[in-house]
């Protein structure tokens, strides 16, 4: 899905418990809504937001990069229905250890369906559906995310090659299709917990995520 424009809207210093970052706000204007991913009729052009946290020298060598989708329930409230906050903290820790890197935080709650729809999906999951089935029952695609905006933001930041922290091959493909070379994929696996073990198996089985430490249902039984 093409962007009509991508622009930086803000930049500031951003101290965190992982160290000092620069925080950037970017907005990308889509030429049309994403198919099967809009909960209500949209205007002809929709705006997507992205926050970039940048630490250190990201130009002398391909930097560590994490594309992280917004997860209010996990990142803020510490939900253990998913591994989102654990992955976020893993990525920030790796960037801090290296002293350089970029975290790209996209406004894509619930794999792009929005917060209220995500909570409806939780309710369906409580009645036996998995995370993919629940999204589809609500009329959405299994995954409404696309990663064109991170590629455009990396270009704005002057980054043409990255070492990507991800378990999701779609992120690798999207960056490379967008003109960003992925010279290394670094695992974002975290220790599984009973509360989200099924969620990880679903991402592995139905969405192609690389989860080397996750057992299939057959292996677990």
C-alpha atoms as a PDB file:
ATOM      1  CA  UNK A   1       0.000   0.000   0.000  1.00  0.00           C
ATOM      2  CA  UNK A   2       1.658   3.215  -1.128  1.00  0.00           C
ATOM      3  CA  UNK A   3       2.080   6.308   1.025  1.00  0.00           C
ATOM      4  CA  UNK A   4       1.176   9.649  -0.458  1.00  0.00           C
ATOM      5  CA  UNK A   5       3.660  11.295   1.888  1.00  0.00           C
ATOM      6  CA  UNK A   6       5.762  10.585   4.975  1.00  0.00           C
ATOM      7  CA  UNK A   7       6.877  13.455   7.187  1.00  0.00           C
ATOM      8  CA  UNK A   8       8.616  14.028  10.486  1.00  0.00           C
ATOM      9  CA  UNK A   9       6.354  15.958  12.845  1.00  0.00           C
ATOM     10  CA  UNK A  10       8.473  16.176  16.020  1.00  0.00           C
ATOM     11  CA  UNK A  11      11.877  15.392  17.547  1.00  0.00           C
ATOM     12  CA  UNK A  12      13.149  15.642  21.141  1.00  0.00           C
ATOM     13  CA  UNK A  13      15.548  14.234  23.719  1.00  0.00           C
ATOM     14  CA  UNK A  14      14.157  11.167  25.458  1.00  0.00           C
ATOM     15  CA  UNK A  15      15.877   9.782  28.580  1.00  0.00           C
ATOM     16  CA  UNK A  16      14.778   6.253  29.587  1.00  0.00           C
ATOM     17  CA  UNK A  17      15.888   3.569  32.027  1.00  0.00           C
ATOM     18  CA  UNK A  18      17.730   1.989  29.092  1.00  0.00           C
ATOM     19  CA  UNK A  19      19.637   5.210  28.397  1.00  0.00           C
ATOM     20  CA  UNK A  20      19.267   8.332  26.333  1.00  0.00           C
ATOM     21  CA  UNK A  21      17.422   8.331  23.014  1.00  0.00           C
ATOM     22  CA  UNK A  22      16.180  10.872  20.513  1.00  0.00           C
ATOM     23  CA  UNK A  23      12.434  10.432  20.004  1.00  0.00           C
ATOM     24  CA  UNK A  24      10.922  11.206  16.598  1.00  0.00           C
ATOM     25  CA  UNK A  25       7.306  11.354  15.516  1.00  0.00           C
ATOM     26  CA  UNK A  26       6.453  10.475  11.915  1.00  0.00           C
ATOM     27  CA  UNK A  27       3.183  10.409   9.996  1.00  0.00           C
ATOM     28  CA  UNK A  28       2.476   8.645   6.743  1.00  0.00           C
ATOM     29  CA  UNK A  29      -0.580   9.405   4.637  1.00  0.00           C
ATOM     30  CA  UNK A  30      -2.015   6.406   2.798  1.00  0.00           C
ATOM     31  CA  UNK A  31      -3.540   6.796  -0.636  1.00  0.00           C
ATOM     32  CA  UNK A  32      -6.400   4.452   0.364  1.00  0.00           C
ATOM     33  CA  UNK A  33      -7.514   2.350   3.379  1.00  0.00           C
ATOM     34  CA  UNK A  34      -6.063  -1.113   3.838  1.00  0.00           C
ATOM     35  CA  UNK A  35      -8.466  -3.813   2.562  1.00  0.00           C
ATOM     36  CA  UNK A  36     -10.215  -5.920   5.235  1.00  0.00           C
ATOM     37  CA  UNK A  37      -8.531  -3.855   7.928  1.00  0.00           C
ATOM     38  CA  UNK A  38     -10.733  -0.836   8.528  1.00  0.00           C
ATOM     39  CA  UNK A  39     -13.307  -1.075  11.339  1.00  0.00           C
ATOM     40  CA  UNK A  40     -15.342   1.808   9.905  1.00  0.00           C
ATOM     41  CA  UNK A  41     -15.502   3.834   6.681  1.00  0.00           C
ATOM     42  CA  UNK A  42     -12.446   6.053   6.365  1.00  0.00           C
ATOM     43  CA  UNK A  43     -11.711   9.158   4.400  1.00  0.00           C
ATOM     44  CA  UNK A  44      -9.967   8.531   1.075  1.00  0.00           C
ATOM     45  CA  UNK A  45      -6.594   9.019   2.772  1.00  0.00           C
ATOM     46  CA  UNK A  46      -5.788   7.602   6.208  1.00  0.00           C
ATOM     47  CA  UNK A  47      -2.871   8.662   8.388  1.00  0.00           C
ATOM     48  CA  UNK A  48      -0.596   6.194  10.170  1.00  0.00           C
ATOM     49  CA  UNK A  49       1.698   7.263  12.992  1.00  0.00           C
ATOM     50  CA  UNK A  50       5.082   5.917  14.022  1.00  0.00           C
ATOM     51  CA  UNK A  51       7.445   6.791  16.865  1.00  0.00           C
ATOM     52  CA  UNK A  52      11.167   6.199  16.397  1.00  0.00           C
ATOM     53  CA  UNK A  53      13.582   5.934  19.307  1.00  0.00           C
ATOM     54  CA  UNK A  54      17.164   6.417  18.130  1.00  0.00           C
ATOM     55  CA  UNK A  55      20.262   5.762  20.220  1.00  0.00           C
ATOM     56  CA  UNK A  56      23.871   6.402  19.296  1.00  0.00           C
ATOM     57  CA  UNK A  57      25.590   6.143  15.934  1.00  0.00           C
ATOM     58  CA  UNK A  58      23.242   4.437  13.481  1.00  0.00           C
ATOM     59  CA  UNK A  59      25.203   5.246  10.328  1.00  0.00           C
ATOM     60  CA  UNK A  60      28.720   3.769  10.608  1.00  0.00           C
ATOM     61  CA  UNK A  61      27.395   0.183  10.480  1.00  0.00           C
ATOM     62  CA  UNK A  62      23.980  -1.468  10.041  1.00  0.00           C
ATOM     63  CA  UNK A  63      22.210  -0.752  13.354  1.00  0.00           C
ATOM     64  CA  UNK A  64      20.010  -2.960  15.468  1.00  0.00           C
ATOM     65  CA  UNK A  65      16.375  -2.230  14.567  1.00  0.00           C
ATOM     66  CA  UNK A  66      13.138  -3.425  16.119  1.00  0.00           C
ATOM     67  CA  UNK A  67       9.743  -2.820  14.482  1.00  0.00           C
ATOM     68  CA  UNK A  68       7.259  -3.044  17.352  1.00  0.00           C
ATOM     69  CA  UNK A  69       3.493  -2.812  17.007  1.00  0.00           C
ATOM     70  CA  UNK A  70       1.682  -0.851  19.690  1.00  0.00           C
ATOM     71  CA  UNK A  71       0.188  -3.070  22.396  1.00  0.00           C
ATOM     72  CA  UNK A  72      -1.477  -1.069  25.160  1.00  0.00           C
ATOM     73  CA  UNK A  73      -2.514  -4.190  27.041  1.00  0.00           C
ATOM     74  CA  UNK A  74       0.980  -5.666  27.023  1.00  0.00           C
ATOM     75  CA  UNK A  75       3.368  -2.717  26.811  1.00  0.00           C
ATOM     76  CA  UNK A  76       1.528  -0.579  29.393  1.00  0.00           C
ATOM     77  CA  UNK A  77      -0.570  -2.937  31.533  1.00  0.00           C
ATOM     78  CA  UNK A  78       1.804  -5.923  31.469  1.00  0.00           C
ATOM     79  CA  UNK A  79      -0.689  -8.384  29.979  1.00  0.00           C
ATOM     80  CA  UNK A  80       0.469 -11.978  29.814  1.00  0.00           C
ATOM     81  CA  UNK A  81      -1.948 -12.885  27.032  1.00  0.00           C
ATOM     82  CA  UNK A  82       0.941 -12.023  24.678  1.00  0.00           C
ATOM     83  CA  UNK A  83       4.716 -11.615  24.656  1.00  0.00           C
ATOM     84  CA  UNK A  84       4.672  -7.995  23.427  1.00  0.00           C
ATOM     85  CA  UNK A  85       6.088  -6.196  26.459  1.00  0.00           C
ATOM     86  CA  UNK A  86       8.749  -8.855  26.928  1.00  0.00           C
ATOM     87  CA  UNK A  87       9.824  -8.429  23.304  1.00  0.00           C
ATOM     88  CA  UNK A  88       9.825  -4.631  23.637  1.00  0.00           C
ATOM     89  CA  UNK A  89      12.065  -4.768  26.690  1.00  0.00           C
ATOM     90  CA  UNK A  90      14.295  -7.379  25.045  1.00  0.00           C
ATOM     91  CA  UNK A  91      14.833  -5.079  22.062  1.00  0.00           C
ATOM     92  CA  UNK A  92      15.502  -1.984  24.164  1.00  0.00           C
ATOM     93  CA  UNK A  93      17.967  -3.979  26.247  1.00  0.00           C
ATOM     94  CA  UNK A  94      19.841  -5.174  23.150  1.00  0.00           C
ATOM     95  CA  UNK A  95      20.005  -1.637  21.751  1.00  0.00           C
ATOM     96  CA  UNK A  96      21.268  -0.315  25.090  1.00  0.00           C
ATOM     97  CA  UNK A  97      23.929  -3.039  25.331  1.00  0.00           C
ATOM     98  CA  UNK A  98      25.197  -2.103  21.876  1.00  0.00           C
ATOM     99  CA  UNK A  99      24.910   1.617  22.549  1.00  0.00           C
ATOM    100  CA  UNK A 100      23.170   2.205  19.214  1.00  0.00           C
ATOM    101  CA  UNK A 101      19.994   1.231  17.420  1.00  0.00           C
ATOM    102  CA  UNK A 102      16.474   2.163  16.410  1.00  0.00           C
ATOM    103  CA  UNK A 103      13.110   1.150  17.837  1.00  0.00           C
ATOM    104  CA  UNK A 104      10.233   1.798  15.424  1.00  0.00           C
ATOM    105  CA  UNK A 105       6.949   1.810  17.351  1.00  0.00           C
ATOM    106  CA  UNK A 106       3.919   1.632  15.067  1.00  0.00           C
ATOM    107  CA  UNK A 107       0.324   2.546  15.902  1.00  0.00           C
ATOM    108  CA  UNK A 108      -1.005  -0.891  14.986  1.00  0.00           C
ATOM    109  CA  UNK A 109      -2.907  -2.070  18.071  1.00  0.00           C
ATOM    110  CA  UNK A 110      -4.224  -5.601  17.768  1.00  0.00           C
ATOM    111  CA  UNK A 111      -2.245  -6.290  14.591  1.00  0.00           C
ATOM    112  CA  UNK A 112      -3.878  -3.231  13.071  1.00  0.00           C
ATOM    113  CA  UNK A 113      -7.556  -3.664  14.053  1.00  0.00           C
ATOM    114  CA  UNK A 114      -7.615  -1.119  16.898  1.00  0.00           C
ATOM    115  CA  UNK A 115      -8.020  -1.360  20.655  1.00  0.00           C
ATOM    116  CA  UNK A 116     -11.775  -1.924  20.962  1.00  0.00           C
ATOM    117  CA  UNK A 117     -11.775  -4.596  18.258  1.00  0.00           C
ATOM    118  CA  UNK A 118      -8.806  -6.207  19.994  1.00  0.00           C
ATOM    119  CA  UNK A 119     -10.788  -6.429  23.236  1.00  0.00           C
ATOM    120  CA  UNK A 120     -13.664  -8.033  21.320  1.00  0.00           C
ATOM    121  CA  UNK A 121     -11.130 -10.512  19.956  1.00  0.00           C
ATOM    122  CA  UNK A 122     -10.017 -11.264  23.528  1.00  0.00           C
ATOM    123  CA  UNK A 123     -13.632 -12.079  24.396  1.00  0.00           C
ATOM    124  CA  UNK A 124     -13.854 -14.498  21.479  1.00  0.00           C
ATOM    125  CA  UNK A 125     -10.577 -16.087  22.528  1.00  0.00           C
ATOM    126  CA  UNK A 126     -12.009 -16.636  26.011  1.00  0.00           C
ATOM    127  CA  UNK A 127     -14.655 -18.769  24.276  1.00  0.00           C
ATOM    128  CA  UNK A 128     -12.150 -20.951  22.462  1.00  0.00           C
ATOM    129  CA  UNK A 129     -10.984 -19.139  19.340  1.00  0.00           C
ATOM    130  CA  UNK A 130      -7.321 -18.485  18.696  1.00  0.00           C
ATOM    131  CA  UNK A 131      -5.992 -15.006  17.892  1.00  0.00           C
ATOM    132  CA  UNK A 132      -6.284 -15.478  14.116  1.00  0.00           C
ATOM    133  CA  UNK A 133      -9.773 -16.976  14.232  1.00  0.00           C
ATOM    134  CA  UNK A 134     -10.980 -14.143  16.453  1.00  0.00           C
ATOM    135  CA  UNK A 135      -9.755 -11.417  14.094  1.00  0.00           C
ATOM    136  CA  UNK A 136     -11.371 -13.158  11.137  1.00  0.00           C
ATOM    137  CA  UNK A 137     -14.659 -13.665  13.029  1.00  0.00           C
ATOM    138  CA  UNK A 138     -14.772  -9.902  13.528  1.00  0.00           C
ATOM    139  CA  UNK A 139     -14.407  -9.374   9.781  1.00  0.00           C
ATOM    140  CA  UNK A 140     -10.718  -8.465   9.680  1.00  0.00           C
ATOM    141  CA  UNK A 141      -7.732 -10.054   8.018  1.00  0.00           C
ATOM    142  CA  UNK A 142      -5.653 -12.289  10.295  1.00  0.00           C
ATOM    143  CA  UNK A 143      -2.962  -9.599  10.298  1.00  0.00           C
ATOM    144  CA  UNK A 144      -3.765  -6.061   9.172  1.00  0.00           C
ATOM    145  CA  UNK A 145      -0.244  -4.775   9.592  1.00  0.00           C
ATOM    146  CA  UNK A 146       2.021  -3.679   6.785  1.00  0.00           C
ATOM    147  CA  UNK A 147       5.534  -2.390   7.212  1.00  0.00           C
ATOM    148  CA  UNK A 148       6.011   0.142   4.418  1.00  0.00           C
ATOM    149  CA  UNK A 149       6.106   3.026   6.909  1.00  0.00           C
ATOM    150  CA  UNK A 150       9.116   1.669   8.879  1.00  0.00           C
ATOM    151  CA  UNK A 151      11.065   1.376   5.629  1.00  0.00           C
ATOM    152  CA  UNK A 152      10.260   4.985   4.713  1.00  0.00           C
ATOM    153  CA  UNK A 153      11.184   6.219   8.203  1.00  0.00           C
ATOM    154  CA  UNK A 154      14.527   4.395   8.083  1.00  0.00           C
ATOM    155  CA  UNK A 155      15.240   6.202   4.814  1.00  0.00           C
ATOM    156  CA  UNK A 156      14.379   9.519   6.498  1.00  0.00           C
ATOM    157  CA  UNK A 157      16.887   8.596   9.224  1.00  0.00           C
ATOM    158  CA  UNK A 158      19.566   7.836   6.648  1.00  0.00           C
ATOM    159  CA  UNK A 159      19.639   4.093   7.312  1.00  0.00           C
ATOM    160  CA  UNK A 160      19.867   1.751   4.320  1.00  0.00           C
ATOM    161  CA  UNK A 161      20.825  -1.561   6.000  1.00  0.00           C
ATOM    162  CA  UNK A 162      19.791  -3.051   9.349  1.00  0.00           C
ATOM    163  CA  UNK A 163      20.170  -5.961  11.720  1.00  0.00           C
ATOM    164  CA  UNK A 164      16.520  -6.696  12.439  1.00  0.00           C
ATOM    165  CA  UNK A 165      15.267  -8.011  15.792  1.00  0.00           C
ATOM    166  CA  UNK A 166      12.235 -10.095  14.833  1.00  0.00           C
ATOM    167  CA  UNK A 167      10.646 -13.521  14.658  1.00  0.00           C
ATOM    168  CA  UNK A 168       8.381 -12.412  11.806  1.00  0.00           C
ATOM    169  CA  UNK A 169       9.635 -13.104   8.262  1.00  0.00           C
ATOM    170  CA  UNK A 170       7.042 -10.642   6.912  1.00  0.00           C
ATOM    171  CA  UNK A 171       8.966  -7.776   8.504  1.00  0.00           C
ATOM    172  CA  UNK A 172      12.178  -8.877   6.797  1.00  0.00           C
ATOM    173  CA  UNK A 173      10.424  -9.142   3.426  1.00  0.00           C
ATOM    174  CA  UNK A 174       8.687  -5.785   3.809  1.00  0.00           C
ATOM    175  CA  UNK A 175      11.871  -3.900   4.633  1.00  0.00           C
ATOM    176  CA  UNK A 176      13.747  -5.481   1.754  1.00  0.00           C
ATOM    177  CA  UNK A 177      10.852  -4.743  -0.624  1.00  0.00           C
ATOM    178  CA  UNK A 178      10.983  -1.155   0.629  1.00  0.00           C
ATOM    179  CA  UNK A 179      14.666  -0.791  -0.217  1.00  0.00           C
ATOM    180  CA  UNK A 180      16.194  -1.532   3.207  1.00  0.00           C
ATOM    181  CA  UNK A 181      18.747  -4.356   3.304  1.00  0.00           C
ATOM    182  CA  UNK A 182      18.348  -6.773   6.227  1.00  0.00           C
ATOM    183  CA  UNK A 183      21.885  -8.069   6.737  1.00  0.00           C
ATOM    184  CA  UNK A 184      21.005 -10.135   9.825  1.00  0.00           C
ATOM    185  CA  UNK A 185      17.886 -11.384  11.590  1.00  0.00           C
ATOM    186  CA  UNK A 186      18.213 -11.481  15.371  1.00  0.00           C
ATOM    187  CA  UNK A 187      15.734 -13.561  17.338  1.00  0.00           C
ATOM    188  CA  UNK A 188      13.118 -11.774  19.440  1.00  0.00           C
ATOM    189  CA  UNK A 189      12.127 -14.953  21.276  1.00  0.00           C
ATOM    190  CA  UNK A 190      11.389 -14.635  24.977  1.00  0.00           C
ATOM    191  CA  UNK A 191      10.731 -17.315  27.566  1.00  0.00           C
ATOM    192  CA  UNK A 192       7.261 -18.740  26.996  1.00  0.00           C
ATOM    193  CA  UNK A 193       4.673 -18.702  29.774  1.00  0.00           C
ATOM    194  CA  UNK A 194       1.565 -20.855  30.103  1.00  0.00           C
ATOM    195  CA  UNK A 195      -0.679 -17.817  29.639  1.00  0.00           C
ATOM    196  CA  UNK A 196       0.598 -17.117  26.115  1.00  0.00           C
ATOM    197  CA  UNK A 197       2.030 -20.460  24.975  1.00  0.00           C
ATOM    198  CA  UNK A 198      -1.010 -21.081  22.748  1.00  0.00           C
ATOM    199  CA  UNK A 199      -0.694 -17.587  21.277  1.00  0.00           C
ATOM    200  CA  UNK A 200       2.912 -18.296  20.301  1.00  0.00           C
ATOM    201  CA  UNK A 201       1.960 -21.630  18.736  1.00  0.00           C
ATOM    202  CA  UNK A 202      -0.722 -19.893  16.673  1.00  0.00           C
ATOM    203  CA  UNK A 203       1.736 -17.273  15.432  1.00  0.00           C
ATOM    204  CA  UNK A 204       4.151 -20.056  14.538  1.00  0.00           C
ATOM    205  CA  UNK A 205       1.600 -22.310  12.813  1.00  0.00           C
ATOM    206  CA  UNK A 206      -0.707 -19.800  11.099  1.00  0.00           C
ATOM    207  CA  UNK A 207       1.447 -16.716  10.621  1.00  0.00           C
ATOM    208  CA  UNK A 208       4.847 -18.236   9.921  1.00  0.00           C
ATOM    209  CA  UNK A 209       6.706 -16.760  12.875  1.00  0.00           C
ATOM    210  CA  UNK A 210      10.054 -18.329  13.707  1.00  0.00           C
ATOM    211  CA  UNK A 211       9.728 -19.745  17.228  1.00  0.00           C
ATOM    212  CA  UNK A 212      12.536 -22.257  17.705  1.00  0.00           C
ATOM    213  CA  UNK A 213      11.792 -22.837  21.378  1.00  0.00           C
ATOM    214  CA  UNK A 214       7.990 -23.182  21.010  1.00  0.00           C
ATOM    215  CA  UNK A 215       6.594 -26.713  20.927  1.00  0.00           C
ATOM    216  CA  UNK A 216       3.739 -27.569  18.618  1.00  0.00           C
ATOM    217  CA  UNK A 217       0.534 -28.941  20.160  1.00  0.00           C
ATOM    218  CA  UNK A 218       1.597 -32.414  19.056  1.00  0.00           C
ATOM    219  CA  UNK A 219       4.990 -32.059  20.749  1.00  0.00           C
ATOM    220  CA  UNK A 220       3.411 -30.637  23.895  1.00  0.00           C
ATOM    221  CA  UNK A 221       0.932 -33.517  24.220  1.00  0.00           C
END
